[in-house]
Amino acid sequence: MATHPVGAKDANDLGLYDMSGNLYEWCWDWYDADYYDVSSAGDPTGPSTGYSRVLRGGSWSSNSMRCRSADRTYGTPSYNHNTVGFRVARR
């Protein structure tokens, strides 16, 4: 198994490509295992500081339970692996 070219598969219902399964994607949020238990319900941004950043979406080597944008794990900012990447986004 391996990665596939970006945009090679169909978009989801929102017109977004590759939101899960190709590579875990780094998120700006710091990771806290208990943060969602104490955060606001609408678009929580994570704690203001931390040791590890959030990774989402699973990768080509993940099982189906991990290949969803709601799934999250974490890594230190210096962590690198062939299952981890990032998405350039503009807001």
PDB file of N, CA and C in Angstrom:
ATOM      1  N   MET A   1       0.845  -1.177   0.000  1.00  0.00           N
ATOM      2  CA  MET A   1       0.000   0.000   0.000  1.00  0.00           C
ATOM      3  C   MET A   1       0.889   1.237   0.000  1.00  0.00           C
ATOM      4  N   ALA A   2       0.334   2.323  -0.547  1.00  0.00           N
ATOM      5  CA  ALA A   2       1.103   3.563  -0.642  1.00  0.00           C
ATOM      6  C   ALA A   2       0.145   4.740  -0.809  1.00  0.00           C
ATOM      7  N   THR A   3       0.682   5.950  -0.818  1.00  0.00           N
ATOM      8  CA  THR A   3      -0.133   7.134  -1.055  1.00  0.00           C
ATOM      9  C   THR A   3      -0.601   7.153  -2.503  1.00  0.00           C
ATOM     10  N   HIS A   4      -1.584   7.986  -2.783  1.00  0.00           N
ATOM     11  CA  HIS A   4      -2.051   8.170  -4.152  1.00  0.00           C
ATOM     12  C   HIS A   4      -1.953   9.658  -4.501  1.00  0.00           C
ATOM     13  N   PRO A   5      -1.927  10.006  -5.781  1.00  0.00           N
ATOM     14  CA  PRO A   5      -1.841  11.414  -6.164  1.00  0.00           C
ATOM     15  C   PRO A   5      -3.041  12.197  -5.637  1.00  0.00           C
ATOM     16  N   VAL A   6      -2.807  13.409  -5.182  1.00  0.00           N
ATOM     17  CA  VAL A   6      -3.868  14.256  -4.649  1.00  0.00           C
ATOM     18  C   VAL A   6      -4.923  14.493  -5.724  1.00  0.00           C
ATOM     19  N   GLY A   7      -6.193  14.360  -5.348  1.00  0.00           N
ATOM     20  CA  GLY A   7      -7.292  14.580  -6.274  1.00  0.00           C
ATOM     21  C   GLY A   7      -7.586  13.420  -7.201  1.00  0.00           C
ATOM     22  N   ALA A   8      -6.927  12.286  -7.019  1.00  0.00           N
ATOM     23  CA  ALA A   8      -7.131  11.143  -7.901  1.00  0.00           C
ATOM     24  C   ALA A   8      -8.423  10.391  -7.593  1.00  0.00           C
ATOM     25  N   LYS A   9      -8.959  10.581  -6.419  1.00  0.00           N
ATOM     26  CA  LYS A   9     -10.209   9.916  -6.032  1.00  0.00           C
ATOM     27  C   LYS A   9     -11.342  10.936  -6.048  1.00  0.00           C
ATOM     28  N   ASP A  10     -12.579  10.476  -5.957  1.00  0.00           N
ATOM     29  CA  ASP A  10     -13.731  11.372  -5.972  1.00  0.00           C
ATOM     30  C   ASP A  10     -13.746  12.272  -4.744  1.00  0.00           C
ATOM     31  N   ALA A  11     -14.301  13.475  -4.923  1.00  0.00           N
ATOM     32  CA  ALA A  11     -14.478  14.410  -3.809  1.00  0.00           C
ATOM     33  C   ALA A  11     -15.592  13.904  -2.901  1.00  0.00           C
ATOM     34  N   ASN A  12     -15.602  14.358  -1.642  1.00  0.00           N
ATOM     35  CA  ASN A  12     -16.690  13.999  -0.736  1.00  0.00           C
ATOM     36  C   ASN A  12     -17.919  14.872  -1.037  1.00  0.00           C
ATOM     37  N   ASP A  13     -18.966  14.751  -0.234  1.00  0.00           N
ATOM     38  CA  ASP A  13     -20.209  15.488  -0.478  1.00  0.00           C
ATOM     39  C   ASP A  13     -20.038  17.007  -0.384  1.00  0.00           C
ATOM     40  N   LEU A  14     -18.962  17.458   0.248  1.00  0.00           N
ATOM     41  CA  LEU A  14     -18.689  18.890   0.362  1.00  0.00           C
ATOM     42  C   LEU A  14     -17.744  19.382  -0.733  1.00  0.00           C
ATOM     43  N   GLY A  15     -17.359  18.493  -1.638  1.00  0.00           N
ATOM     44  CA  GLY A  15     -16.458  18.858  -2.722  1.00  0.00           C
ATOM     45  C   GLY A  15     -14.994  18.880  -2.316  1.00  0.00           C
ATOM     46  N   LEU A  16     -14.665  18.274  -1.189  1.00  0.00           N
ATOM     47  CA  LEU A  16     -13.291  18.247  -0.685  1.00  0.00           C
ATOM     48  C   LEU A  16     -12.622  16.926  -1.054  1.00  0.00           C
ATOM     49  N   TYR A  17     -11.376  16.989  -1.395  1.00  0.00           N
ATOM     50  CA  TYR A  17     -10.616  15.810  -1.781  1.00  0.00           C
ATOM     51  C   TYR A  17      -9.683  15.354  -0.669  1.00  0.00           C
ATOM     52  N   ASP A  18      -9.497  14.053  -0.584  1.00  0.00           N
ATOM     53  CA  ASP A  18      -8.444  13.450   0.251  1.00  0.00           C
ATOM     54  C   ASP A  18      -8.497  13.879   1.715  1.00  0.00           C
ATOM     55  N   MET A  19      -9.678  13.917   2.280  1.00  0.00           N
ATOM     56  CA  MET A  19      -9.815  14.338   3.673  1.00  0.00           C
ATOM     57  C   MET A  19      -9.482  13.228   4.661  1.00  0.00           C
ATOM     58  N   SER A  20      -9.348  12.022   4.202  1.00  0.00           N
ATOM     59  CA  SER A  20      -8.972  10.944   5.112  1.00  0.00           C
ATOM     60  C   SER A  20      -8.291   9.830   4.339  1.00  0.00           C
ATOM     61  N   GLY A  21      -7.351   9.198   5.004  1.00  0.00           N
ATOM     62  CA  GLY A  21      -6.769   7.983   4.482  1.00  0.00           C
ATOM     63  C   GLY A  21      -5.468   8.070   3.710  1.00  0.00           C
ATOM     64  N   ASN A  22      -5.151   9.173   3.074  1.00  0.00           N
ATOM     65  CA  ASN A  22      -3.915   9.231   2.300  1.00  0.00           C
ATOM     66  C   ASN A  22      -2.722   9.430   3.240  1.00  0.00           C
ATOM     67  N   LEU A  23      -2.722  10.505   3.966  1.00  0.00           N
ATOM     68  CA  LEU A  23      -1.713  10.789   4.989  1.00  0.00           C
ATOM     69  C   LEU A  23      -2.399  11.400   6.199  1.00  0.00           C
ATOM     70  N   TYR A  24      -1.904  11.099   7.392  1.00  0.00           N
ATOM     71  CA  TYR A  24      -2.323  11.876   8.552  1.00  0.00           C
ATOM     72  C   TYR A  24      -1.941  13.317   8.264  1.00  0.00           C
ATOM     73  N   GLU A  25      -2.790  14.255   8.660  1.00  0.00           N
ATOM     74  CA  GLU A  25      -2.481  15.660   8.420  1.00  0.00           C
ATOM     75  C   GLU A  25      -2.274  16.397   9.734  1.00  0.00           C
ATOM     76  N   TRP A  26      -1.184  17.174   9.748  1.00  0.00           N
ATOM     77  CA  TRP A  26      -0.912  18.009  10.911  1.00  0.00           C
ATOM     78  C   TRP A  26      -2.001  19.053  11.043  1.00  0.00           C
ATOM     79  N   CYS A  27      -2.419  19.319  12.271  1.00  0.00           N
ATOM     80  CA  CYS A  27      -3.357  20.399  12.563  1.00  0.00           C
ATOM     81  C   CYS A  27      -2.644  21.436  13.419  1.00  0.00           C
ATOM     82  N   TRP A  28      -3.144  22.648  13.415  1.00  0.00           N
ATOM     83  CA  TRP A  28      -2.545  23.729  14.197  1.00  0.00           C
ATOM     84  C   TRP A  28      -2.761  23.508  15.699  1.00  0.00           C
ATOM     85  N   ASP A  29      -3.809  22.788  16.079  1.00  0.00           N
ATOM     86  CA  ASP A  29      -4.173  22.606  17.487  1.00  0.00           C
ATOM     87  C   ASP A  29      -3.122  21.833  18.272  1.00  0.00           C
ATOM     88  N   TRP A  30      -2.895  22.277  19.497  1.00  0.00           N
ATOM     89  CA  TRP A  30      -2.125  21.478  20.447  1.00  0.00           C
ATOM     90  C   TRP A  30      -3.010  20.350  20.930  1.00  0.00           C
ATOM     91  N   TYR A  31      -2.432  19.219  21.256  1.00  0.00           N
ATOM     92  CA  TYR A  31      -3.191  18.041  21.681  1.00  0.00           C
ATOM     93  C   TYR A  31      -3.369  18.011  23.189  1.00  0.00           C
ATOM     94  N   ASP A  32      -4.571  17.695  23.619  1.00  0.00           N
ATOM     95  CA  ASP A  32      -4.892  17.419  25.019  1.00  0.00           C
ATOM     96  C   ASP A  32      -5.984  16.357  24.987  1.00  0.00           C
ATOM     97  N   ALA A  33      -5.708  15.197  25.535  1.00  0.00           N
ATOM     98  CA  ALA A  33      -6.648  14.071  25.466  1.00  0.00           C
ATOM     99  C   ALA A  33      -8.011  14.412  26.044  1.00  0.00           C
ATOM    100  N   ASP A  34      -8.073  15.313  27.009  1.00  0.00           N
ATOM    101  CA  ASP A  34      -9.331  15.648  27.682  1.00  0.00           C
ATOM    102  C   ASP A  34      -9.932  16.970  27.229  1.00  0.00           C
ATOM    103  N   TYR A  35      -9.345  17.620  26.242  1.00  0.00           N
ATOM    104  CA  TYR A  35      -9.780  18.967  25.872  1.00  0.00           C
ATOM    105  C   TYR A  35     -11.247  19.029  25.442  1.00  0.00           C
ATOM    106  N   TYR A  36     -11.708  18.081  24.653  1.00  0.00           N
ATOM    107  CA  TYR A  36     -13.093  18.124  24.179  1.00  0.00           C
ATOM    108  C   TYR A  36     -14.101  17.976  25.319  1.00  0.00           C
ATOM    109  N   ASP A  37     -13.697  17.395  26.421  1.00  0.00           N
ATOM    110  CA  ASP A  37     -14.602  17.264  27.564  1.00  0.00           C
ATOM    111  C   ASP A  37     -14.889  18.609  28.225  1.00  0.00           C
ATOM    112  N   VAL A  38     -13.987  19.584  28.076  1.00  0.00           N
ATOM    113  CA  VAL A  38     -14.145  20.877  28.753  1.00  0.00           C
ATOM    114  C   VAL A  38     -14.260  22.053  27.785  1.00  0.00           C
ATOM    115  N   SER A  39     -14.209  21.813  26.481  1.00  0.00           N
ATOM    116  CA  SER A  39     -14.237  22.900  25.498  1.00  0.00           C
ATOM    117  C   SER A  39     -15.663  23.239  25.079  1.00  0.00           C
ATOM    118  N   SER A  40     -15.789  24.360  24.364  1.00  0.00           N
ATOM    119  CA  SER A  40     -17.090  24.723  23.810  1.00  0.00           C
ATOM    120  C   SER A  40     -17.440  23.733  22.695  1.00  0.00           C
ATOM    121  N   ALA A  41     -18.713  23.626  22.388  1.00  0.00           N
ATOM    122  CA  ALA A  41     -19.161  22.650  21.399  1.00  0.00           C
ATOM    123  C   ALA A  41     -18.837  23.075  19.968  1.00  0.00           C
ATOM    124  N   GLY A  42     -18.743  24.364  19.721  1.00  0.00           N
ATOM    125  CA  GLY A  42     -18.556  24.846  18.358  1.00  0.00           C
ATOM    126  C   GLY A  42     -17.111  25.130  17.985  1.00  0.00           C
ATOM    127  N   ASP A  43     -16.536  24.310  17.128  1.00  0.00           N
ATOM    128  CA  ASP A  43     -15.210  24.503  16.563  1.00  0.00           C
ATOM    129  C   ASP A  43     -14.133  24.836  17.601  1.00  0.00           C
ATOM    130  N   PRO A  44     -13.906  23.952  18.562  1.00  0.00           N
ATOM    131  CA  PRO A  44     -12.862  24.229  19.561  1.00  0.00           C
ATOM    132  C   PRO A  44     -11.489  24.287  18.915  1.00  0.00           C
ATOM    133  N   THR A  45     -10.649  25.181  19.375  1.00  0.00           N
ATOM    134  CA  THR A  45      -9.338  25.393  18.763  1.00  0.00           C
ATOM    135  C   THR A  45      -8.213  24.693  19.503  1.00  0.00           C
ATOM    136  N   GLY A  46      -8.509  24.032  20.583  1.00  0.00           N
ATOM    137  CA  GLY A  46      -7.464  23.344  21.335  1.00  0.00           C
ATOM    138  C   GLY A  46      -6.840  24.254  22.371  1.00  0.00           C
ATOM    139  N   PRO A  47      -6.034  23.675  23.253  1.00  0.00           N
ATOM    140  CA  PRO A  47      -5.382  24.482  24.288  1.00  0.00           C
ATOM    141  C   PRO A  47      -4.395  25.476  23.658  1.00  0.00           C
ATOM    142  N   SER A  48      -4.043  26.508  24.393  1.00  0.00           N
ATOM    143  CA  SER A  48      -3.156  27.543  23.851  1.00  0.00           C
ATOM    144  C   SER A  48      -1.688  27.116  23.821  1.00  0.00           C
ATOM    145  N   THR A  49      -1.329  26.110  24.576  1.00  0.00           N
ATOM    146  CA  THR A  49       0.044  25.594  24.564  1.00  0.00           C
ATOM    147  C   THR A  49      -0.001  24.079  24.692  1.00  0.00           C
ATOM    148  N   GLY A  50       1.136  23.449  24.481  1.00  0.00           N
ATOM    149  CA  GLY A  50       1.192  22.013  24.639  1.00  0.00           C
ATOM    150  C   GLY A  50       2.526  21.445  24.206  1.00  0.00           C
ATOM    151  N   TYR A  51       2.607  20.140  24.192  1.00  0.00           N
ATOM    152  CA  TYR A  51       3.822  19.426  23.827  1.00  0.00           C
ATOM    153  C   TYR A  51       3.678  18.761  22.458  1.00  0.00           C
ATOM    154  N   SER A  52       2.453  18.329  22.135  1.00  0.00           N
ATOM    155  CA  SER A  52       2.191  17.610  20.888  1.00  0.00           C
ATOM    156  C   SER A  52       1.098  18.302  20.102  1.00  0.00           C
ATOM    157  N   ARG A  53       1.161  18.193  18.770  1.00  0.00           N
ATOM    158  CA  ARG A  53       0.130  18.732  17.886  1.00  0.00           C
ATOM    159  C   ARG A  53      -0.803  17.609  17.441  1.00  0.00           C
ATOM    160  N   VAL A  54      -2.014  17.997  17.057  1.00  0.00           N
ATOM    161  CA  VAL A  54      -3.023  17.044  16.602  1.00  0.00           C
ATOM    162  C   VAL A  54      -2.709  16.573  15.177  1.00  0.00           C
ATOM    163  N   LEU A  55      -2.911  15.287  14.945  1.00  0.00           N
ATOM    164  CA  LEU A  55      -2.862  14.676  13.614  1.00  0.00           C
ATOM    165  C   LEU A  55      -4.235  14.073  13.344  1.00  0.00           C
ATOM    166  N   ARG A  56      -4.774  14.285  12.137  1.00  0.00           N
ATOM    167  CA  ARG A  56      -6.107  13.773  11.802  1.00  0.00           C
ATOM    168  C   ARG A  56      -6.132  13.038  10.476  1.00  0.00           C
ATOM    169  N   GLY A  57      -7.132  12.178  10.335  1.00  0.00           N
ATOM    170  CA  GLY A  57      -7.503  11.622   9.044  1.00  0.00           C
ATOM    171  C   GLY A  57      -6.981  10.253   8.672  1.00  0.00           C
ATOM    172  N   GLY A  58      -6.097   9.688   9.461  1.00  0.00           N
ATOM    173  CA  GLY A  58      -5.566   8.380   9.106  1.00  0.00           C
ATOM    174  C   GLY A  58      -4.602   8.456   7.931  1.00  0.00           C
ATOM    175  N   SER A  59      -4.045   7.319   7.564  1.00  0.00           N
ATOM    176  CA  SER A  59      -3.087   7.285   6.455  1.00  0.00           C
ATOM    177  C   SER A  59      -3.291   6.016   5.646  1.00  0.00           C
ATOM    178  N   TRP A  60      -2.472   5.860   4.634  1.00  0.00           N
ATOM    179  CA  TRP A  60      -2.547   4.678   3.779  1.00  0.00           C
ATOM    180  C   TRP A  60      -2.311   3.398   4.554  1.00  0.00           C
ATOM    181  N   SER A  61      -1.683   3.473   5.730  1.00  0.00           N
ATOM    182  CA  SER A  61      -1.416   2.257   6.512  1.00  0.00           C
ATOM    183  C   SER A  61      -2.404   2.049   7.659  1.00  0.00           C
ATOM    184  N   SER A  62      -3.410   2.924   7.770  1.00  0.00           N
ATOM    185  CA  SER A  62      -4.363   2.861   8.881  1.00  0.00           C
ATOM    186  C   SER A  62      -5.526   1.922   8.590  1.00  0.00           C
ATOM    187  N   ASN A  63      -6.134   1.419   9.659  1.00  0.00           N
ATOM    188  CA  ASN A  63      -7.364   0.649   9.486  1.00  0.00           C
ATOM    189  C   ASN A  63      -8.534   1.609   9.273  1.00  0.00           C
ATOM    190  N   SER A  64      -9.692   1.093   8.913  1.00  0.00           N
ATOM    191  CA  SER A  64     -10.842   1.938   8.568  1.00  0.00           C
ATOM    192  C   SER A  64     -11.335   2.791   9.730  1.00  0.00           C
ATOM    193  N   MET A  65     -11.144   2.367  10.953  1.00  0.00           N
ATOM    194  CA  MET A  65     -11.564   3.169  12.116  1.00  0.00           C
ATOM    195  C   MET A  65     -10.744   4.460  12.224  1.00  0.00           C
ATOM    196  N   ARG A  66      -9.523   4.464  11.733  1.00  0.00           N
ATOM    197  CA  ARG A  66      -8.652   5.644  11.803  1.00  0.00           C
ATOM    198  C   ARG A  66      -8.835   6.581  10.612  1.00  0.00           C
ATOM    199  N   CYS A  67      -9.372   6.073   9.500  1.00  0.00           N
ATOM    200  CA  CYS A  67      -9.481   6.863   8.273  1.00  0.00           C
ATOM    201  C   CYS A  67     -10.762   7.683   8.243  1.00  0.00           C
ATOM    202  N   ARG A  68     -10.840   8.622   9.135  1.00  0.00           N
ATOM    203  CA  ARG A  68     -11.960   9.559   9.186  1.00  0.00           C
ATOM    204  C   ARG A  68     -11.451  10.862   9.786  1.00  0.00           C
ATOM    205  N   SER A  69     -11.962  11.976   9.313  1.00  0.00           N
ATOM    206  CA  SER A  69     -11.453  13.272   9.765  1.00  0.00           C
ATOM    207  C   SER A  69     -11.717  13.517  11.245  1.00  0.00           C
ATOM    208  N   ALA A  70     -12.713  12.854  11.819  1.00  0.00           N
ATOM    209  CA  ALA A  70     -13.001  13.020  13.235  1.00  0.00           C
ATOM    210  C   ALA A  70     -11.992  12.298  14.128  1.00  0.00           C
ATOM    211  N   ASP A  71     -11.280  11.340  13.584  1.00  0.00           N
ATOM    212  CA  ASP A  71     -10.293  10.625  14.375  1.00  0.00           C
ATOM    213  C   ASP A  71      -9.067  11.505  14.564  1.00  0.00           C
ATOM    214  N   ARG A  72      -8.503  11.503  15.758  1.00  0.00           N
ATOM    215  CA  ARG A  72      -7.304  12.298  15.983  1.00  0.00           C
ATOM    216  C   ARG A  72      -6.303  11.544  16.823  1.00  0.00           C
ATOM    217  N   THR A  73      -5.070  11.833  16.559  1.00  0.00           N
ATOM    218  CA  THR A  73      -3.961  11.326  17.346  1.00  0.00           C
ATOM    219  C   THR A  73      -3.001  12.497  17.504  1.00  0.00           C
ATOM    220  N   TYR A  74      -1.757  12.265  17.840  1.00  0.00           N
ATOM    221  CA  TYR A  74      -0.866  13.388  18.102  1.00  0.00           C
ATOM    222  C   TYR A  74       0.586  13.014  17.846  1.00  0.00           C
ATOM    223  N   GLY A  75       1.410  14.028  17.740  1.00  0.00           N
ATOM    224  CA  GLY A  75       2.848  13.858  17.590  1.00  0.00           C
ATOM    225  C   GLY A  75       3.550  15.140  17.969  1.00  0.00           C
ATOM    226  N   THR A  76       4.791  15.033  18.397  1.00  0.00           N
ATOM    227  CA  THR A  76       5.564  16.244  18.674  1.00  0.00           C
ATOM    228  C   THR A  76       5.841  16.954  17.358  1.00  0.00           C
ATOM    229  N   PRO A  77       5.992  18.271  17.363  1.00  0.00           N
ATOM    230  CA  PRO A  77       6.211  18.996  16.110  1.00  0.00           C
ATOM    231  C   PRO A  77       7.417  18.519  15.291  1.00  0.00           C
ATOM    232  N   SER A  78       8.372  17.872  15.909  1.00  0.00           N
ATOM    233  CA  SER A  78       9.538  17.387  15.168  1.00  0.00           C
ATOM    234  C   SER A  78       9.328  15.980  14.594  1.00  0.00           C
ATOM    235  N   TYR A  79       8.192  15.338  14.895  1.00  0.00           N
ATOM    236  CA  TYR A  79       7.914  13.985  14.429  1.00  0.00           C
ATOM    237  C   TYR A  79       7.764  13.966  12.910  1.00  0.00           C
ATOM    238  N   ASN A  80       8.361  12.989  12.255  1.00  0.00           N
ATOM    239  CA  ASN A  80       8.127  12.814  10.825  1.00  0.00           C
ATOM    240  C   ASN A  80       8.074  11.326  10.502  1.00  0.00           C
ATOM    241  N   HIS A  81       7.273  11.000   9.512  1.00  0.00           N
ATOM    242  CA  HIS A  81       7.070   9.613   9.108  1.00  0.00           C
ATOM    243  C   HIS A  81       6.436   9.624   7.719  1.00  0.00           C
ATOM    244  N   ASN A  82       6.522   8.532   6.996  1.00  0.00           N
ATOM    245  CA  ASN A  82       5.945   8.489   5.651  1.00  0.00           C
ATOM    246  C   ASN A  82       4.422   8.354   5.651  1.00  0.00           C
ATOM    247  N   THR A  83       3.809   8.389   6.811  1.00  0.00           N
ATOM    248  CA  THR A  83       2.352   8.376   6.916  1.00  0.00           C
ATOM    249  C   THR A  83       1.801   9.736   7.335  1.00  0.00           C
ATOM    250  N   VAL A  84       2.663  10.754   7.437  1.00  0.00           N
ATOM    251  CA  VAL A  84       2.257  12.065   7.945  1.00  0.00           C
ATOM    252  C   VAL A  84       2.612  13.148   6.938  1.00  0.00           C
ATOM    253  N   GLY A  85       1.672  14.067   6.723  1.00  0.00           N
ATOM    254  CA  GLY A  85       1.897  15.198   5.832  1.00  0.00           C
ATOM    255  C   GLY A  85       1.126  16.401   6.312  1.00  0.00           C
ATOM    256  N   PHE A  86       0.899  17.354   5.439  1.00  0.00           N
ATOM    257  CA  PHE A  86       0.099  18.521   5.799  1.00  0.00           C
ATOM    258  C   PHE A  86      -0.663  18.992   4.576  1.00  0.00           C
ATOM    259  N   ARG A  87      -1.684  19.769   4.812  1.00  0.00           N
ATOM    260  CA  ARG A  87      -2.525  20.319   3.743  1.00  0.00           C
ATOM    261  C   ARG A  87      -2.344  21.835   3.761  1.00  0.00           C
ATOM    262  N   VAL A  88      -1.987  22.379   2.639  1.00  0.00           N
ATOM    263  CA  VAL A  88      -1.899  23.831   2.525  1.00  0.00           C
ATOM    264  C   VAL A  88      -3.312  24.334   2.355  1.00  0.00           C
ATOM    265  N   ALA A  89      -3.727  25.238   3.228  1.00  0.00           N
ATOM    266  CA  ALA A  89      -5.095  25.760   3.183  1.00  0.00           C
ATOM    267  C   ALA A  89      -5.065  27.268   3.289  1.00  0.00           C
ATOM    268  N   ARG A  90      -6.034  27.876   2.680  1.00  0.00           N
ATOM    269  CA  ARG A  90      -6.152  29.323   2.738  1.00  0.00           C
ATOM    270  C   ARG A  90      -7.539  29.649   3.220  1.00  0.00           C
ATOM    271  N   ARG A  91      -7.614  30.596   4.125  1.00  0.00           N
ATOM    272  CA  ARG A  91      -8.907  30.960   4.690  1.00  0.00           C
ATOM    273  C   ARG A  91      -9.262  32.364   4.337  1.00  0.00           C
TER     274      ARG A  91
END
